[in-house]
Every structure is written in structure tokens, then in C-alpha cells.
Amino acid sequence: MGQFSTSHPDWHLRLYRTPAGFRVLVMHRTFHPDEPAVAECFQSFGTDALYVRMCLNQKCFRARVSPKPWRIGISSHIKPRPGVWPVNPECLPERTSWIEMYEQTARGHAACQFVESLGSPSINADARAVQQLHDELCRATTRLPAA
């Protein structure tokens, strides 16, 4: 990360620790996932290949903003499984119960933790709006454990 930041002094990077590694928000401008600069950045960071494919296929950047259930002690799965829509009205009470239990348990955890900013102080207004929402939803600036 430091080497990339040093070789790209005009980039503003926000580094976050996740339970499985790191996350970076680029703040000096917005990007489209198929830009060459994004490919260079991903390669420099050793970005997960599945994440790179998802960004290209979905034409967006994604970040988990809530803890994964199994990382906060929830072993049961939501029913019906995600992707089933609309939910059969007969299944709604069980689904609602699971969601309430998950939300109650998740309150004590963050999805990631802000570590530091690197590079240029320049911040794009659209990127700032995304970062503020990201940090709030992830609880990234709290001292809650990441899960």
C-alpha cells in the first residue's frame, strides 16, 4: 500500500482493516471498474480475483457494510435463502425473526475499522459522500470489534 501511495502521490487512499485483510477507498476521484488505473491499482494491491471479476461483471465496486453472521456467532442461515424473492408470506415470520436476531447481535460489531489515510489530501465530493455512508454503516470509526 505504501509503495503504491508513494508512486501515486496524487491519489488519496483510505485504508481499513477487515476480518480477512484490508479494504481501500480511493478518495481523490471516482472511477469505473474497467479503467486501466483500476486494474493497475488492483494488481499492485494483490486484490482478490473474485472481487475483481465481480467489479467488472457488475460494473461497480462493492463493500460489505455489515458483519458476516458466522463471525458474530450466528450459525443458522436466513430462510428462505438470499436471492429468493418475493418471499412467500408463510416464510416471513421466520425470516423476520432471523433478521431481528442478526441485527441485535450485529450492533456490537463493525464490518471494518479505519486505519489511516495516505497520499494527497484531495477529496472528490462524490467519493466523500460514499465514504461517509460507508463509515457510518460499517461502524468503521468505532472501537467495536470487526467481524
Protein backbone atom coordinates (compact mmCIF):
# COMPACT_ATOMS: atom_id res chain seq x y z
CA MET A 1 0.00 0.00 0.00
CA GLY A 2 2.76 2.41 0.96
CA GLN A 3 4.67 1.72 -2.25
CA PHE A 4 1.57 2.38 -4.37
CA SER A 5 0.85 5.56 -2.43
CA THR A 6 4.43 6.76 -2.88
CA SER A 7 4.35 6.12 -6.64
CA HIS A 8 0.89 7.76 -6.95
CA PRO A 9 1.19 10.90 -4.77
CA ASP A 10 -1.91 12.45 -6.36
CA TRP A 11 -4.11 9.59 -5.07
CA HIS A 12 -5.91 9.86 -1.71
CA LEU A 13 -6.35 6.42 -0.14
CA ARG A 14 -8.27 5.44 3.00
CA LEU A 15 -7.16 2.13 4.47
CA TYR A 16 -9.48 -0.11 6.52
CA ARG A 17 -8.80 -3.40 8.30
CA THR A 18 -11.37 -6.14 7.70
CA PRO A 19 -11.51 -9.55 9.39
CA ALA A 20 -9.98 -11.09 6.26
CA GLY A 21 -7.47 -8.38 5.28
CA PHE A 22 -7.75 -4.80 4.10
CA ARG A 23 -10.10 -2.53 2.18
CA VAL A 24 -9.16 0.68 0.37
CA LEU A 25 -11.38 3.59 -0.57
CA VAL A 26 -9.93 5.90 -3.20
CA MET A 27 -10.97 9.46 -2.46
CA HIS A 28 -9.36 11.86 -4.95
CA ARG A 29 -11.76 10.97 -7.80
CA THR A 30 -14.34 8.41 -8.86
CA PHE A 31 -13.53 5.52 -11.18
CA HIS A 32 -15.25 2.99 -13.41
CA PRO A 33 -14.14 -0.60 -12.71
CA ASP A 34 -12.81 -1.17 -16.25
CA GLU A 35 -10.38 1.78 -16.21
CA PRO A 36 -6.70 0.85 -16.66
CA ALA A 37 -5.83 2.77 -13.47
CA VAL A 38 -8.16 0.47 -11.51
CA ALA A 39 -6.54 -2.65 -12.98
CA GLU A 40 -3.11 -1.29 -12.04
CA CYS A 41 -4.29 -0.47 -8.52
CA PHE A 42 -5.89 -3.91 -8.07
CA GLN A 43 -2.74 -5.65 -9.31
CA SER A 44 -0.50 -3.57 -7.05
CA PHE A 45 -2.65 -4.38 -4.01
CA GLY A 46 -2.99 -8.08 -4.86
CA THR A 47 -6.77 -7.71 -4.91
CA ASP A 48 -8.82 -10.88 -4.65
CA ALA A 49 -9.52 -12.22 -8.16
CA LEU A 50 -13.18 -12.93 -7.41
CA TYR A 51 -13.69 -9.33 -6.23
CA VAL A 52 -12.03 -8.01 -9.42
CA ARG A 53 -14.32 -10.20 -11.57
CA MET A 54 -17.40 -9.06 -9.63
CA CYS A 55 -16.47 -5.39 -10.09
CA LEU A 56 -16.05 -5.87 -13.84
CA ASN A 57 -19.17 -8.00 -14.30
CA GLN A 58 -21.41 -5.81 -12.14
CA LYS A 59 -19.81 -2.54 -13.30
CA CYS A 60 -19.47 -1.27 -9.72
CA PHE A 61 -17.35 -1.51 -6.59
CA ARG A 62 -18.80 -3.37 -3.64
CA ALA A 63 -18.02 -3.43 0.06
CA ARG A 64 -19.68 -5.41 2.80
CA VAL A 65 -21.10 -2.95 5.35
CA SER A 66 -22.36 -5.42 7.96
CA PRO A 67 -20.68 -8.27 9.84
CA LYS A 68 -20.91 -11.76 8.40
CA PRO A 69 -23.32 -13.81 10.54
CA TRP A 70 -20.90 -16.64 11.33
CA ARG A 71 -18.32 -14.11 12.55
CA ILE A 72 -20.73 -12.91 15.24
CA GLY A 73 -21.77 -16.36 16.43
CA ILE A 74 -24.82 -16.97 14.23
CA SER A 75 -24.63 -20.40 12.62
CA SER A 76 -28.16 -20.61 11.21
CA HIS A 77 -28.91 -19.30 7.74
CA ILE A 78 -31.63 -16.87 6.78
CA LYS A 79 -34.63 -18.59 5.20
CA PRO A 80 -35.58 -18.68 2.51
CA ARG A 81 -32.04 -18.40 1.24
CA PRO A 82 -30.97 -14.99 -0.11
CA GLY A 83 -31.97 -14.42 -3.70
CA VAL A 84 -35.46 -15.84 -3.24
CA TRP A 85 -37.85 -13.02 -3.99
CA PRO A 86 -40.58 -12.34 -3.33
CA VAL A 87 -40.58 -14.16 -0.03
CA ASN A 88 -43.53 -16.46 0.46
CA PRO A 89 -45.77 -14.84 3.10
CA GLU A 90 -45.72 -18.12 5.06
CA CYS A 91 -41.95 -17.77 5.46
CA LEU A 92 -41.97 -14.11 6.56
CA PRO A 93 -42.27 -14.69 10.33
CA GLU A 94 -39.20 -16.98 10.37
CA ARG A 95 -37.26 -14.60 8.12
CA THR A 96 -38.23 -11.56 10.19
CA SER A 97 -37.19 -13.35 13.38
CA TRP A 98 -33.77 -14.20 11.91
CA ILE A 99 -33.24 -10.61 10.75
CA GLU A 100 -34.14 -9.21 14.17
CA MET A 101 -31.75 -11.65 15.87
CA TYR A 102 -28.98 -10.79 13.39
CA GLU A 103 -29.45 -7.02 13.76
CA GLN A 104 -29.44 -7.27 17.57
CA THR A 105 -26.22 -9.31 17.56
CA ALA A 106 -24.55 -7.23 14.83
CA ARG A 107 -24.93 -3.99 16.86
CA GLY A 108 -21.85 -4.96 18.84
CA HIS A 109 -19.60 -5.32 15.80
CA ALA A 110 -18.11 -3.34 12.93
CA ALA A 111 -17.64 -4.59 9.37
CA CYS A 112 -14.19 -2.96 9.20
CA GLN A 113 -12.00 -0.50 11.08
CA PHE A 114 -10.47 2.68 9.69
CA VAL A 115 -6.66 2.57 9.90
CA GLU A 116 -5.25 5.62 8.11
CA SER A 117 -5.34 7.97 5.12
CA LEU A 118 -2.44 8.06 2.69
CA GLY A 119 -1.38 10.33 -0.15
CA SER A 120 -2.92 13.51 -1.45
CA PRO A 121 -5.33 15.48 0.74
CA SER A 122 -7.56 15.99 -2.34
CA ILE A 123 -11.04 14.54 -1.87
CA ASN A 124 -13.76 14.28 -4.51
CA ALA A 125 -17.19 15.31 -3.19
CA ASP A 126 -18.93 12.19 -4.56
CA ALA A 127 -16.25 9.95 -3.07
CA ARG A 128 -16.61 11.76 0.28
CA ALA A 129 -20.36 11.11 0.31
CA VAL A 130 -19.78 7.39 -0.32
CA GLN A 131 -17.04 7.28 2.34
CA GLN A 132 -19.25 8.92 4.96
CA LEU A 133 -22.09 6.48 4.31
CA HIS A 134 -19.62 3.57 4.23
CA ASP A 135 -18.03 4.54 7.53
CA GLU A 136 -21.40 5.02 9.22
CA LEU A 137 -22.87 1.72 8.00
CA CYS A 138 -19.66 -0.22 8.71
CA ARG A 139 -19.13 1.48 12.08
CA ALA A 140 -15.58 1.91 10.81
CA THR A 141 -14.57 4.64 13.24
CA THR A 142 -15.85 2.93 16.38
CA ARG A 143 -13.84 0.70 18.65
CA LEU A 144 -16.21 -2.20 18.04
CA PRO A 145 -14.57 -5.48 17.04
CA ALA A 146 -14.58 -6.19 13.31
CA ALA A 147 -16.49 -9.27 12.27
